[in-house]
């Protein structure tokens, strides 16, 4: 990496409204992250009301995942080319309208359409939110605090979604899991218009890379759908295999095209940087483990232990608190004092200890003695790791690449979530079936055997989650070599600085 250029004093003034802007950026991020799990809680009720068959119900999740995952790179590049605040506000308005359509759905077609539209506008909104944060906070200490808040929301939002989804479904109606997005989006959009100013890049707006857009979008859609189908069908089923093969071909062609075109959708410099690549990879692996755990712990608490949706959500609160403390109190305070690697590696190791404890789940496991301390460790470890990882993932990028670098954070999370749900669910189902078949002959209590088999399956999958988190720690240790504390002027002194790029200035 070439040496960074000093920030020009004339251009180093910080936007006085940046902290108010952070409130609305964080609110928008919370809305997007909540939506990843809040609808899961409401899905059984929505399925019954709308007459959706068991075979089609996965499309409530898959329609969103395909649109969101497939269009993230496009959304990130659009925010770079056409303005981050504009993309942010359009994404908020579109997401709110799509949520209103979902809340008012009268049939399954309306539901699927609303979820796909949520994914489309989420793919525009999520990268814009993170890239705004990247370009607004260029001072190293302030950046640490801002990313601490953002990292806490990104990590804890999914668990908060379980609580909010359970509360709304149990005490109001499943439709409110959609309607609740509307006030979130309205407040965030008004706040964005009032308080967000973004740096004006010195470059013009080059044409969009259409071949890259088509190849990247189709490749990501095929990849996400392949994992979604593997979960519902089988890993060796012809369409599943076809999706994975198609994805590999399309994404390979995408890399070839991006290396050759003048204005690529994803400049390869964004992902070939050692630190950013390590951040994307370690984040993606951790999300695989985290999403799998949310799934199994939710099933365990509700089906095996008989918790209500609200009680299940409350059971996740210690993890939420741990993530907030890890991100805002440990990660944000130490990231300016120690290299990011020295936060990420211990953080992922602490999280893996929590995951290791949960491998000991049984039908009668004490929540207070095992589950709560394990989830606290998970939250602390992941919160501590996510904060520097997200900061590294968008560090020292050229101003014009902030959106697409932010999009890659979301791509790693989205693909990680798809892999985690499909892969770990398959492992759990296989282990459950095997245990049941091995013990059914001598069973006297069929329900107890069913629960024992389920818990055995969850434990087997959680073991994989443990090793995956160890993999995140290993990748962080091997790939991350940034010293962190001297890279505060992210946009101002970024990769483009040595090429004579102007430092961005604030405009209304």
Protein backbone atom coordinates (compact mmCIF):
# COMPACT_ATOMS: atom_id res chain seq x y z
CA UNK A 1 0.00 0.00 0.00
CA UNK A 2 1.51 3.38 -0.97
CA UNK A 3 2.09 5.81 1.88
CA UNK A 4 -0.78 8.06 2.77
CA UNK A 5 -0.76 11.73 2.01
CA UNK A 6 -1.29 14.22 4.80
CA UNK A 7 -4.71 15.77 5.01
CA UNK A 8 -4.86 19.33 3.81
CA UNK A 9 -5.86 21.67 6.63
CA UNK A 10 -8.14 23.56 4.31
CA UNK A 11 -10.20 20.49 3.73
CA UNK A 12 -10.01 18.74 7.08
CA UNK A 13 -12.95 20.56 8.70
CA UNK A 14 -15.45 18.10 10.04
CA UNK A 15 -19.18 18.41 9.43
CA UNK A 16 -20.64 19.90 12.63
CA UNK A 17 -23.85 17.90 12.15
CA UNK A 18 -22.16 14.52 11.77
CA UNK A 19 -23.23 13.19 15.20
CA UNK A 20 -26.86 14.01 14.54
CA UNK A 21 -26.46 12.37 11.14
CA UNK A 22 -25.15 9.24 12.89
CA UNK A 23 -28.45 8.89 14.77
CA UNK A 24 -30.44 8.62 11.54
CA UNK A 25 -27.89 6.45 9.76
CA UNK A 26 -27.93 4.08 12.74
CA UNK A 27 -31.75 4.08 12.80
CA UNK A 28 -31.87 3.09 9.14
CA UNK A 29 -29.30 0.34 9.69
CA UNK A 30 -31.31 -0.96 12.64
CA UNK A 31 -34.41 -1.16 10.45
CA UNK A 32 -32.60 -3.20 7.78
CA UNK A 33 -30.96 -5.57 10.28
CA UNK A 34 -34.19 -6.03 12.25
CA UNK A 35 -35.94 -7.08 9.07
CA UNK A 36 -33.59 -10.04 8.70
CA UNK A 37 -35.17 -11.76 11.72
CA UNK A 38 -38.38 -9.95 12.64
CA UNK A 39 -40.29 -11.52 9.74
CA UNK A 40 -39.11 -15.01 10.71
CA UNK A 41 -41.12 -14.79 13.93
CA UNK A 42 -44.22 -13.61 12.08
CA UNK A 43 -43.95 -16.13 9.24
CA UNK A 44 -46.09 -18.94 10.74
CA UNK A 45 -49.00 -16.55 11.38
CA UNK A 46 -48.66 -14.91 7.95
CA UNK A 47 -48.56 -18.33 6.31
CA UNK A 48 -51.88 -19.31 7.86
CA UNK A 49 -53.61 -15.98 7.13
CA UNK A 50 -52.52 -15.85 3.50
CA UNK A 51 -52.96 -19.56 2.77
CA UNK A 52 -49.31 -20.12 1.82
CA UNK A 53 -48.33 -23.78 1.49
CA UNK A 54 -45.42 -25.32 3.38
CA UNK A 55 -43.63 -25.78 0.07
CA UNK A 56 -43.85 -22.08 -0.78
CA UNK A 57 -43.38 -20.44 2.61
CA UNK A 58 -39.60 -20.19 2.20
CA UNK A 59 -40.18 -17.60 -0.52
CA UNK A 60 -41.11 -15.11 2.21
CA UNK A 61 -37.42 -15.26 3.17
CA UNK A 62 -35.90 -16.19 -0.19
CA UNK A 63 -37.53 -13.37 -2.20
CA UNK A 64 -35.91 -10.82 0.11
CA UNK A 65 -32.55 -12.59 0.22
CA UNK A 66 -32.28 -12.89 -3.57
CA UNK A 67 -33.07 -9.24 -4.26
CA UNK A 68 -30.98 -7.92 -1.39
CA UNK A 69 -27.96 -10.15 -1.94
CA UNK A 70 -28.05 -9.90 -5.72
CA UNK A 71 -28.28 -6.13 -5.97
CA UNK A 72 -25.88 -5.05 -3.20
CA UNK A 73 -22.95 -4.29 -5.50
CA UNK A 74 -25.25 -2.34 -7.79
CA UNK A 75 -26.68 -0.43 -4.83
CA UNK A 76 -23.22 0.38 -3.53
CA UNK A 77 -22.03 1.65 -6.90
CA UNK A 78 -25.19 3.68 -7.44
CA UNK A 79 -24.60 5.49 -4.16
CA UNK A 80 -21.03 6.27 -5.28
CA UNK A 81 -22.09 7.56 -8.69
CA UNK A 82 -25.36 9.33 -7.97
CA UNK A 83 -24.94 10.53 -4.39
CA UNK A 84 -24.98 8.67 -1.08
CA UNK A 85 -27.57 10.81 0.66
CA UNK A 86 -29.88 10.56 -2.36
CA UNK A 87 -29.49 6.78 -2.47
CA UNK A 88 -30.04 6.64 1.30
CA UNK A 89 -33.30 8.61 1.19
CA UNK A 90 -34.64 6.80 -1.88
CA UNK A 91 -33.81 3.49 -0.22
CA UNK A 92 -35.68 4.52 2.94
CA UNK A 93 -38.79 5.66 1.08
CA UNK A 94 -38.84 2.55 -1.09
CA UNK A 95 -38.32 0.26 1.88
CA UNK A 96 -41.20 1.91 3.73
CA UNK A 97 -43.56 1.56 0.75
CA UNK A 98 -42.56 -2.09 0.27
CA UNK A 99 -43.19 -2.70 3.99
CA UNK A 100 -46.64 -1.12 3.70
CA UNK A 101 -47.38 -3.50 0.81
CA UNK A 102 -46.28 -6.47 2.95
CA UNK A 103 -48.32 -5.38 5.94
CA UNK A 104 -51.40 -5.01 3.76
CA UNK A 105 -50.80 -8.21 1.74
CA UNK A 106 -54.00 -10.07 0.87
CA UNK A 107 -52.39 -13.04 -0.87
CA UNK A 108 -49.05 -14.74 -1.29
CA UNK A 109 -48.20 -12.87 -4.51
CA UNK A 110 -48.43 -9.53 -2.69
CA UNK A 111 -46.29 -10.91 0.11
CA UNK A 112 -43.57 -12.16 -2.22
CA UNK A 113 -43.62 -8.88 -4.18
CA UNK A 114 -43.27 -6.83 -1.00
CA UNK A 115 -40.36 -8.92 0.23
CA UNK A 116 -38.57 -8.66 -3.12
CA UNK A 117 -39.07 -4.88 -3.15
CA UNK A 118 -37.79 -4.66 0.42
CA UNK A 119 -34.68 -6.46 -0.80
CA UNK A 120 -34.25 -4.10 -3.78
CA UNK A 121 -34.45 -0.95 -1.68
CA UNK A 122 -32.48 -2.53 1.16
CA UNK A 123 -29.66 -3.19 -1.32
CA UNK A 124 -29.64 0.54 -2.08
CA UNK A 125 -30.03 1.65 1.53
CA UNK A 126 -27.54 -0.56 3.40
CA UNK A 127 -24.37 0.35 1.44
CA UNK A 128 -25.38 4.02 1.37
CA UNK A 129 -25.72 4.04 5.17
CA UNK A 130 -22.29 2.54 5.79
CA UNK A 131 -20.57 4.64 3.12
CA UNK A 132 -22.08 7.83 4.58
CA UNK A 133 -20.59 6.85 7.91
CA UNK A 134 -17.26 6.22 6.21
CA UNK A 135 -17.07 9.62 4.55
CA UNK A 136 -18.54 11.68 7.41
CA UNK A 137 -16.21 10.40 10.16
CA UNK A 138 -12.59 10.82 9.11
CA UNK A 139 -11.03 11.58 12.50
CA UNK A 140 -9.63 8.35 13.95
CA UNK A 141 -11.14 8.63 17.44
CA UNK A 142 -14.53 9.81 16.22
CA UNK A 143 -14.53 7.10 13.57
CA UNK A 144 -13.97 4.51 16.29
CA UNK A 145 -16.97 5.75 18.27
CA UNK A 146 -19.20 5.95 15.18
CA UNK A 147 -18.26 2.47 14.02
CA UNK A 148 -18.72 1.21 17.56
CA UNK A 149 -22.34 2.30 17.42
CA UNK A 150 -22.80 0.92 13.90
CA UNK A 151 -21.11 -2.38 14.74
CA UNK A 152 -23.30 -2.82 17.82
CA UNK A 153 -26.44 -2.29 15.76
CA UNK A 154 -25.27 -4.56 12.98
CA UNK A 155 -24.52 -7.36 15.43
CA UNK A 156 -27.35 -6.93 17.92
CA UNK A 157 -30.12 -5.89 15.54
CA UNK A 158 -30.91 -9.43 14.48
CA UNK A 159 -31.44 -10.49 18.09
CA UNK A 160 -33.52 -7.38 18.80
CA UNK A 161 -35.63 -8.38 15.79
CA UNK A 162 -36.52 -11.64 17.50
CA UNK A 163 -37.79 -9.75 20.56
CA UNK A 164 -39.65 -7.09 18.59
CA UNK A 165 -41.10 -9.65 16.18
CA UNK A 166 -42.30 -11.82 19.05
CA UNK A 167 -43.86 -8.87 20.87
CA UNK A 168 -45.67 -7.51 17.81
CA UNK A 169 -46.90 -10.94 16.70
CA UNK A 170 -48.07 -11.99 20.15
CA UNK A 171 -49.76 -8.75 21.25
CA UNK A 172 -50.79 -7.09 17.98
CA UNK A 173 -50.65 -8.89 14.64
CA UNK A 174 -48.03 -10.27 12.28
CA UNK A 175 -48.72 -7.39 9.89
CA UNK A 176 -47.11 -5.00 12.36
CA UNK A 177 -43.75 -6.65 11.76
CA UNK A 178 -43.98 -4.90 8.38
CA UNK A 179 -45.77 -1.71 9.43
CA UNK A 180 -43.18 -1.01 12.15
CA UNK A 181 -40.66 -0.18 9.40
CA UNK A 182 -42.68 2.83 8.25
CA UNK A 183 -42.03 5.12 11.25
CA UNK A 184 -38.39 3.98 11.32
CA UNK A 185 -37.97 4.96 7.66
CA UNK A 186 -39.92 8.23 7.97
CA UNK A 187 -37.85 9.50 10.90
CA UNK A 188 -34.57 8.42 9.27
CA UNK A 189 -35.47 10.04 5.93
CA UNK A 190 -36.47 13.36 7.52
CA UNK A 191 -33.31 13.32 9.64
CA UNK A 192 -31.19 12.58 6.58
CA UNK A 193 -32.61 15.55 4.68
CA UNK A 194 -32.08 17.86 7.63
CA UNK A 195 -28.72 16.75 8.98
CA UNK A 196 -26.73 14.69 6.47
CA UNK A 197 -24.25 16.42 4.23
CA UNK A 198 -21.84 14.31 2.25
CA UNK A 199 -18.39 15.11 0.89
CA UNK A 200 -18.38 16.03 -2.77
CA UNK A 201 -15.96 13.85 -4.70
CA UNK A 202 -13.59 15.54 -7.05
CA UNK A 203 -14.29 13.12 -9.92
CA UNK A 204 -17.16 13.14 -12.34
CA UNK A 205 -19.71 10.37 -12.63
CA UNK A 206 -18.51 7.70 -15.06
CA UNK A 207 -20.99 5.45 -16.86
CA UNK A 208 -22.30 2.38 -15.08
CA UNK A 209 -20.56 -0.91 -15.82
CA UNK A 210 -23.52 -2.80 -17.34
CA UNK A 211 -21.68 -6.10 -18.11
CA UNK A 212 -20.31 -6.13 -14.56
CA UNK A 213 -23.76 -5.31 -13.18
CA UNK A 214 -25.40 -8.23 -15.01
CA UNK A 215 -22.66 -10.76 -14.22
CA UNK A 216 -22.29 -9.71 -10.57
CA UNK A 217 -26.01 -9.58 -9.88
CA UNK A 218 -26.80 -12.88 -11.57
CA UNK A 219 -23.80 -14.55 -9.92
CA UNK A 220 -24.82 -13.45 -6.44
CA UNK A 221 -28.48 -14.34 -7.05
CA UNK A 222 -27.47 -17.83 -8.19
CA UNK A 223 -25.21 -18.25 -5.15
CA UNK A 224 -27.83 -17.13 -2.62
CA UNK A 225 -30.57 -19.17 -4.29
CA UNK A 226 -28.31 -22.23 -4.39
CA UNK A 227 -27.93 -22.13 -0.61
CA UNK A 228 -31.62 -21.39 -0.08
CA UNK A 229 -32.59 -24.34 -2.27
CA UNK A 230 -30.03 -26.63 -0.63
CA UNK A 231 -31.72 -25.96 2.71
CA UNK A 232 -35.17 -26.83 1.31
CA UNK A 233 -34.24 -29.67 -1.04
CA UNK A 234 -30.84 -31.35 -1.12
CA UNK A 235 -27.23 -30.39 -1.81
CA UNK A 236 -27.01 -32.87 -4.69
CA UNK A 237 -30.36 -31.94 -6.27
CA UNK A 238 -29.87 -30.92 -9.92
CA UNK A 239 -31.17 -27.34 -9.65
CA UNK A 240 -29.08 -26.73 -6.51
CA UNK A 241 -25.91 -27.99 -8.21
CA UNK A 242 -26.81 -25.99 -11.32
CA UNK A 243 -27.11 -22.80 -9.27
CA UNK A 244 -23.70 -23.30 -7.67
CA UNK A 245 -22.04 -24.07 -11.01
CA UNK A 246 -23.74 -21.08 -12.65
CA UNK A 247 -22.67 -18.84 -9.78
CA UNK A 248 -19.05 -19.98 -10.07
CA UNK A 249 -19.00 -19.31 -13.82
CA UNK A 250 -20.77 -15.95 -13.59
CA UNK A 251 -18.63 -14.65 -10.73
CA UNK A 252 -15.43 -15.79 -12.48
CA UNK A 253 -16.49 -13.90 -15.61
CA UNK A 254 -17.37 -10.95 -13.38
CA UNK A 255 -13.80 -10.81 -12.02
CA UNK A 256 -12.37 -11.04 -15.56
CA UNK A 257 -14.59 -8.19 -16.76
CA UNK A 258 -13.88 -6.02 -13.73
CA UNK A 259 -10.15 -6.37 -14.31
CA UNK A 260 -10.51 -5.04 -17.87
CA UNK A 261 -13.22 -2.38 -17.99
CA UNK A 262 -12.41 1.28 -17.46
CA UNK A 263 -15.09 2.00 -14.83
CA UNK A 264 -15.78 -1.31 -13.06
CA UNK A 265 -18.79 -1.95 -10.85
CA UNK A 266 -16.40 -3.39 -8.25
CA UNK A 267 -12.85 -2.06 -8.62
CA UNK A 268 -10.71 -5.06 -7.71
CA UNK A 269 -8.46 -2.83 -5.59
CA UNK A 270 -11.30 -2.75 -3.07
CA UNK A 271 -11.15 -6.49 -2.38
CA UNK A 272 -7.50 -7.29 -3.10
CA UNK A 273 -6.27 -5.10 -0.25
CA UNK A 274 -5.04 -7.57 2.36
CA UNK A 275 -6.73 -5.93 5.33
CA UNK A 276 -10.09 -5.37 3.65
CA UNK A 277 -10.05 -8.89 2.23
CA UNK A 278 -9.33 -10.28 5.70
CA UNK A 279 -12.11 -8.18 7.20
CA UNK A 280 -14.66 -9.33 4.61
CA UNK A 281 -13.68 -12.99 5.00
CA UNK A 282 -13.63 -13.03 8.81
CA UNK A 283 -16.96 -11.17 8.99
CA UNK A 284 -18.56 -13.59 6.53
CA UNK A 285 -17.39 -16.63 8.51
CA UNK A 286 -18.60 -15.16 11.80
CA UNK A 287 -22.02 -14.42 10.29
CA UNK A 288 -22.29 -18.08 9.19
CA UNK A 289 -21.87 -19.16 12.80
CA UNK A 290 -24.07 -16.40 14.24
CA UNK A 291 -27.05 -16.89 11.93
CA UNK A 292 -26.94 -20.64 12.46
CA UNK A 293 -26.92 -20.13 16.21
CA UNK A 294 -29.90 -17.74 16.12
CA UNK A 295 -31.83 -20.36 14.18
CA UNK A 296 -31.06 -23.27 16.52
CA UNK A 297 -31.40 -21.35 19.75
CA UNK A 298 -34.77 -20.01 18.62
CA UNK A 299 -35.98 -23.54 17.79
CA UNK A 300 -34.56 -24.90 21.03
CA UNK A 301 -36.20 -22.29 23.24
CA UNK A 302 -39.59 -22.35 21.52
CA UNK A 303 -40.02 -26.02 20.57
CA UNK A 304 -37.99 -27.90 23.18
CA UNK A 305 -38.38 -25.53 26.14
CA UNK A 306 -41.81 -24.12 25.25
CA UNK A 307 -40.87 -20.42 25.41
CA UNK A 308 -43.30 -17.94 23.87
CA UNK A 309 -42.03 -15.66 21.05
CA UNK A 310 -41.65 -12.79 23.54
CA UNK A 311 -39.80 -14.98 26.06
CA UNK A 312 -37.52 -16.16 23.27
CA UNK A 313 -36.72 -12.59 22.33
CA UNK A 314 -36.00 -11.70 25.95
CA UNK A 315 -33.68 -14.70 26.21
CA UNK A 316 -31.49 -13.11 23.53
CA UNK A 317 -31.17 -9.79 25.38
CA UNK A 318 -27.94 -10.77 27.24
CA UNK A 319 -26.32 -11.34 23.85
CA UNK A 320 -27.55 -7.94 22.68
CA UNK A 321 -26.12 -6.26 25.78
CA UNK A 322 -22.84 -8.13 25.26
CA UNK A 323 -22.61 -6.95 21.65
CA UNK A 324 -23.29 -3.33 22.60
CA UNK A 325 -20.66 -3.42 25.35
CA UNK A 326 -18.14 -5.23 23.13
CA UNK A 327 -18.60 -2.83 20.24
CA UNK A 328 -19.00 0.54 21.94
CA UNK A 329 -17.03 0.06 25.17
CA UNK A 330 -14.26 -2.38 24.25
CA UNK A 331 -13.79 -2.17 20.48
CA UNK A 332 -14.34 1.56 20.08
CA UNK A 333 -12.13 2.47 23.07
CA UNK A 334 -9.22 0.19 22.18
CA UNK A 335 -9.17 0.35 18.37
CA UNK A 336 -7.21 3.62 18.47
CA UNK A 337 -4.69 2.15 20.90
CA UNK A 338 -3.99 -1.35 19.56
CA UNK A 339 -3.87 -2.90 16.08
CA UNK A 340 -7.28 -4.20 14.88
CA UNK A 341 -5.92 -7.74 14.79
CA UNK A 342 -5.39 -7.63 18.56
CA UNK A 343 -9.10 -6.95 18.99
CA UNK A 344 -10.46 -9.24 16.29
CA UNK A 345 -8.51 -12.38 17.20
CA UNK A 346 -9.31 -12.31 20.95
CA UNK A 347 -12.88 -11.24 20.17
CA UNK A 348 -13.53 -14.18 17.88
CA UNK A 349 -11.86 -16.53 20.40
CA UNK A 350 -14.10 -15.26 23.22
CA UNK A 351 -17.13 -15.77 20.98
CA UNK A 352 -15.94 -19.29 20.17
CA UNK A 353 -15.81 -20.08 23.91
CA UNK A 354 -19.47 -19.06 24.16
CA UNK A 355 -20.26 -21.26 21.18
CA UNK A 356 -18.31 -24.14 22.74
CA UNK A 357 -20.42 -23.86 25.91
CA UNK A 358 -23.60 -24.15 23.84
CA UNK A 359 -22.45 -27.47 22.36
CA UNK A 360 -23.38 -28.87 25.79
CA UNK A 361 -27.10 -28.15 25.31
CA UNK A 362 -29.49 -30.80 26.58
CA UNK A 363 -33.26 -30.95 26.89
CA UNK A 364 -32.99 -29.79 30.51
CA UNK A 365 -30.15 -27.25 30.23
CA UNK A 366 -30.42 -24.34 32.66
CA UNK A 367 -30.85 -21.00 30.93
CA UNK A 368 -29.25 -19.10 33.83
CA UNK A 369 -26.29 -21.43 34.32
CA UNK A 370 -25.33 -22.15 30.70
CA UNK A 371 -27.28 -20.38 27.96
CA UNK A 372 -27.16 -16.85 29.39
CA UNK A 373 -23.39 -16.77 30.14
CA UNK A 374 -22.64 -18.41 26.81
CA UNK A 375 -24.65 -15.82 24.87
CA UNK A 376 -23.04 -12.99 26.85
CA UNK A 377 -19.61 -14.27 25.80
CA UNK A 378 -20.79 -14.57 22.21
CA UNK A 379 -22.09 -11.01 22.26
CA UNK A 380 -18.96 -9.56 23.86
CA UNK A 381 -16.67 -11.40 21.47
CA UNK A 382 -18.58 -10.65 18.28
CA UNK A 383 -19.20 -7.03 19.24
CA UNK A 384 -15.50 -6.50 19.96
CA UNK A 385 -14.57 -8.11 16.62
CA UNK A 386 -17.23 -6.61 14.37
CA UNK A 387 -16.35 -3.01 15.21
CA UNK A 388 -12.72 -3.03 13.95
CA UNK A 389 -13.62 -5.42 11.11
CA UNK A 390 -16.26 -3.04 9.73
CA UNK A 391 -13.92 -0.10 10.12
CA UNK A 392 -11.11 -1.93 8.32
CA UNK A 393 -13.46 -3.02 5.54
CA UNK A 394 -14.07 0.60 4.56
CA UNK A 395 -10.70 2.08 5.55
CA UNK A 396 -8.46 3.99 3.15
CA UNK A 397 -10.80 3.59 0.19
CA UNK A 398 -10.97 6.23 -2.49
CA UNK A 399 -13.95 8.54 -2.02
CA UNK A 400 -15.58 7.19 -5.18
CA UNK A 401 -15.29 3.61 -3.87
CA UNK A 402 -16.83 4.13 -0.42
CA UNK A 403 -20.25 2.83 -1.47
CA UNK A 404 -19.04 -0.33 -3.16
CA UNK A 405 -16.60 -1.07 -0.30
CA UNK A 406 -19.56 -0.75 2.07
CA UNK A 407 -21.61 -2.98 -0.19
CA UNK A 408 -18.97 -5.69 0.12
CA UNK A 409 -19.46 -5.67 3.90
CA UNK A 410 -23.15 -6.38 3.30
CA UNK A 411 -22.36 -8.99 0.64
CA UNK A 412 -20.16 -10.89 3.10
CA UNK A 413 -22.94 -10.72 5.70
CA UNK A 414 -25.70 -11.72 3.28
CA UNK A 415 -23.80 -14.63 1.74
CA UNK A 416 -22.63 -15.67 5.21
CA UNK A 417 -26.22 -15.66 6.45
CA UNK A 418 -27.37 -17.77 3.49
CA UNK A 419 -24.55 -20.27 3.99
CA UNK A 420 -25.07 -20.40 7.76
CA UNK A 421 -28.77 -21.08 7.50
CA UNK A 422 -28.44 -23.71 4.77
CA UNK A 423 -25.23 -25.49 5.78
CA UNK A 424 -25.74 -25.65 9.53
CA UNK A 425 -29.43 -26.51 9.19
CA UNK A 426 -28.49 -29.42 6.93
CA UNK A 427 -25.92 -30.65 9.45
CA UNK A 428 -28.44 -30.37 12.28
CA UNK A 429 -31.18 -32.19 10.35
CA UNK A 430 -28.85 -35.03 9.38
CA UNK A 431 -27.57 -35.47 12.96
CA UNK A 432 -31.14 -35.36 14.31
CA UNK A 433 -32.33 -38.09 11.93
CA UNK A 434 -29.30 -40.27 12.64
CA UNK A 435 -29.74 -39.98 16.42
CA UNK A 436 -33.46 -40.75 16.22
CA UNK A 437 -32.92 -43.83 14.05
CA UNK A 438 -30.17 -45.13 16.35
CA UNK A 439 -32.31 -44.82 19.51
CA UNK A 440 -35.88 -45.41 18.37
CA UNK A 441 -35.79 -49.19 18.94
CA UNK A 442 -35.43 -48.96 22.72
CA UNK A 443 -37.36 -45.73 23.26
CA UNK A 444 -40.23 -45.71 25.78
CA UNK A 445 -40.98 -41.96 25.59
CA UNK A 446 -41.37 -40.92 21.97
CA UNK A 447 -41.62 -37.19 22.67
CA UNK A 448 -38.50 -37.25 24.84
CA UNK A 449 -36.62 -39.07 22.07
CA UNK A 450 -37.80 -36.47 19.55
CA UNK A 451 -36.54 -33.63 21.74
CA UNK A 452 -33.27 -35.45 22.49
CA UNK A 453 -32.75 -35.98 18.77
CA UNK A 454 -33.41 -32.33 17.98
CA UNK A 455 -31.03 -31.11 20.66
CA UNK A 456 -28.37 -33.56 19.48
CA UNK A 457 -28.74 -32.09 15.98
CA UNK A 458 -28.45 -28.52 17.27
CA UNK A 459 -25.36 -29.45 19.27
CA UNK A 460 -23.72 -31.05 16.23
CA UNK A 461 -24.30 -27.91 14.16
CA UNK A 462 -23.12 -25.63 16.96
CA UNK A 463 -19.84 -27.59 17.04
CA UNK A 464 -19.37 -26.51 13.43
CA UNK A 465 -20.16 -22.94 14.49
CA UNK A 466 -17.40 -23.20 17.09
CA UNK A 467 -14.82 -24.26 14.50
CA UNK A 468 -16.03 -21.58 12.07
CA UNK A 469 -15.42 -18.89 14.70
CA UNK A 470 -11.95 -20.32 15.25
CA UNK A 471 -11.51 -19.91 11.50
CA UNK A 472 -12.49 -16.23 11.79
CA UNK A 473 -9.86 -15.79 14.49
CA UNK A 474 -7.23 -17.57 12.37
CA UNK A 475 -8.01 -15.51 9.26
CA UNK A 476 -7.84 -12.30 11.28
CA UNK A 477 -4.47 -13.29 12.70
CA UNK A 478 -3.00 -14.25 9.34
CA UNK A 479 -4.43 -11.56 7.04
CA UNK A 480 -4.90 -8.41 9.12
CA UNK A 481 -1.67 -6.42 9.37
CA UNK A 482 -2.99 -2.86 9.65
CA UNK A 483 -1.77 -0.89 12.64
CA UNK A 484 -5.12 0.84 12.72
CA UNK A 485 -4.37 3.90 14.81
CA UNK A 486 -2.62 5.84 12.03
CA UNK A 487 -5.37 5.35 9.48
CA UNK A 488 -7.89 7.76 10.78
CA UNK A 489 -8.18 10.01 7.74
CA UNK A 490 -10.03 7.37 5.84
CA UNK A 491 -11.39 9.25 2.91
CA UNK A 492 -9.19 12.28 3.04
CA UNK A 493 -5.99 10.31 3.00
CA UNK A 494 -7.17 7.20 1.29
CA UNK A 495 -5.91 5.14 -1.60
CA UNK A 496 -6.57 7.95 -4.00
CA UNK A 497 -4.49 10.47 -2.11
CA UNK A 498 -1.20 9.49 -3.65
CA UNK A 499 -2.71 9.87 -7.12
CA UNK A 500 -3.43 13.53 -6.61
CA UNK A 501 -7.09 13.17 -5.73
CA UNK A 502 -8.60 16.17 -4.01
CA UNK A 503 -9.76 15.87 -0.46
CA UNK A 504 -13.56 15.96 -0.44
CA UNK A 505 -15.25 19.05 0.96
CA UNK A 506 -18.62 19.29 2.66
CA UNK A 507 -21.55 20.61 0.68
CA UNK A 508 -25.26 20.89 1.33
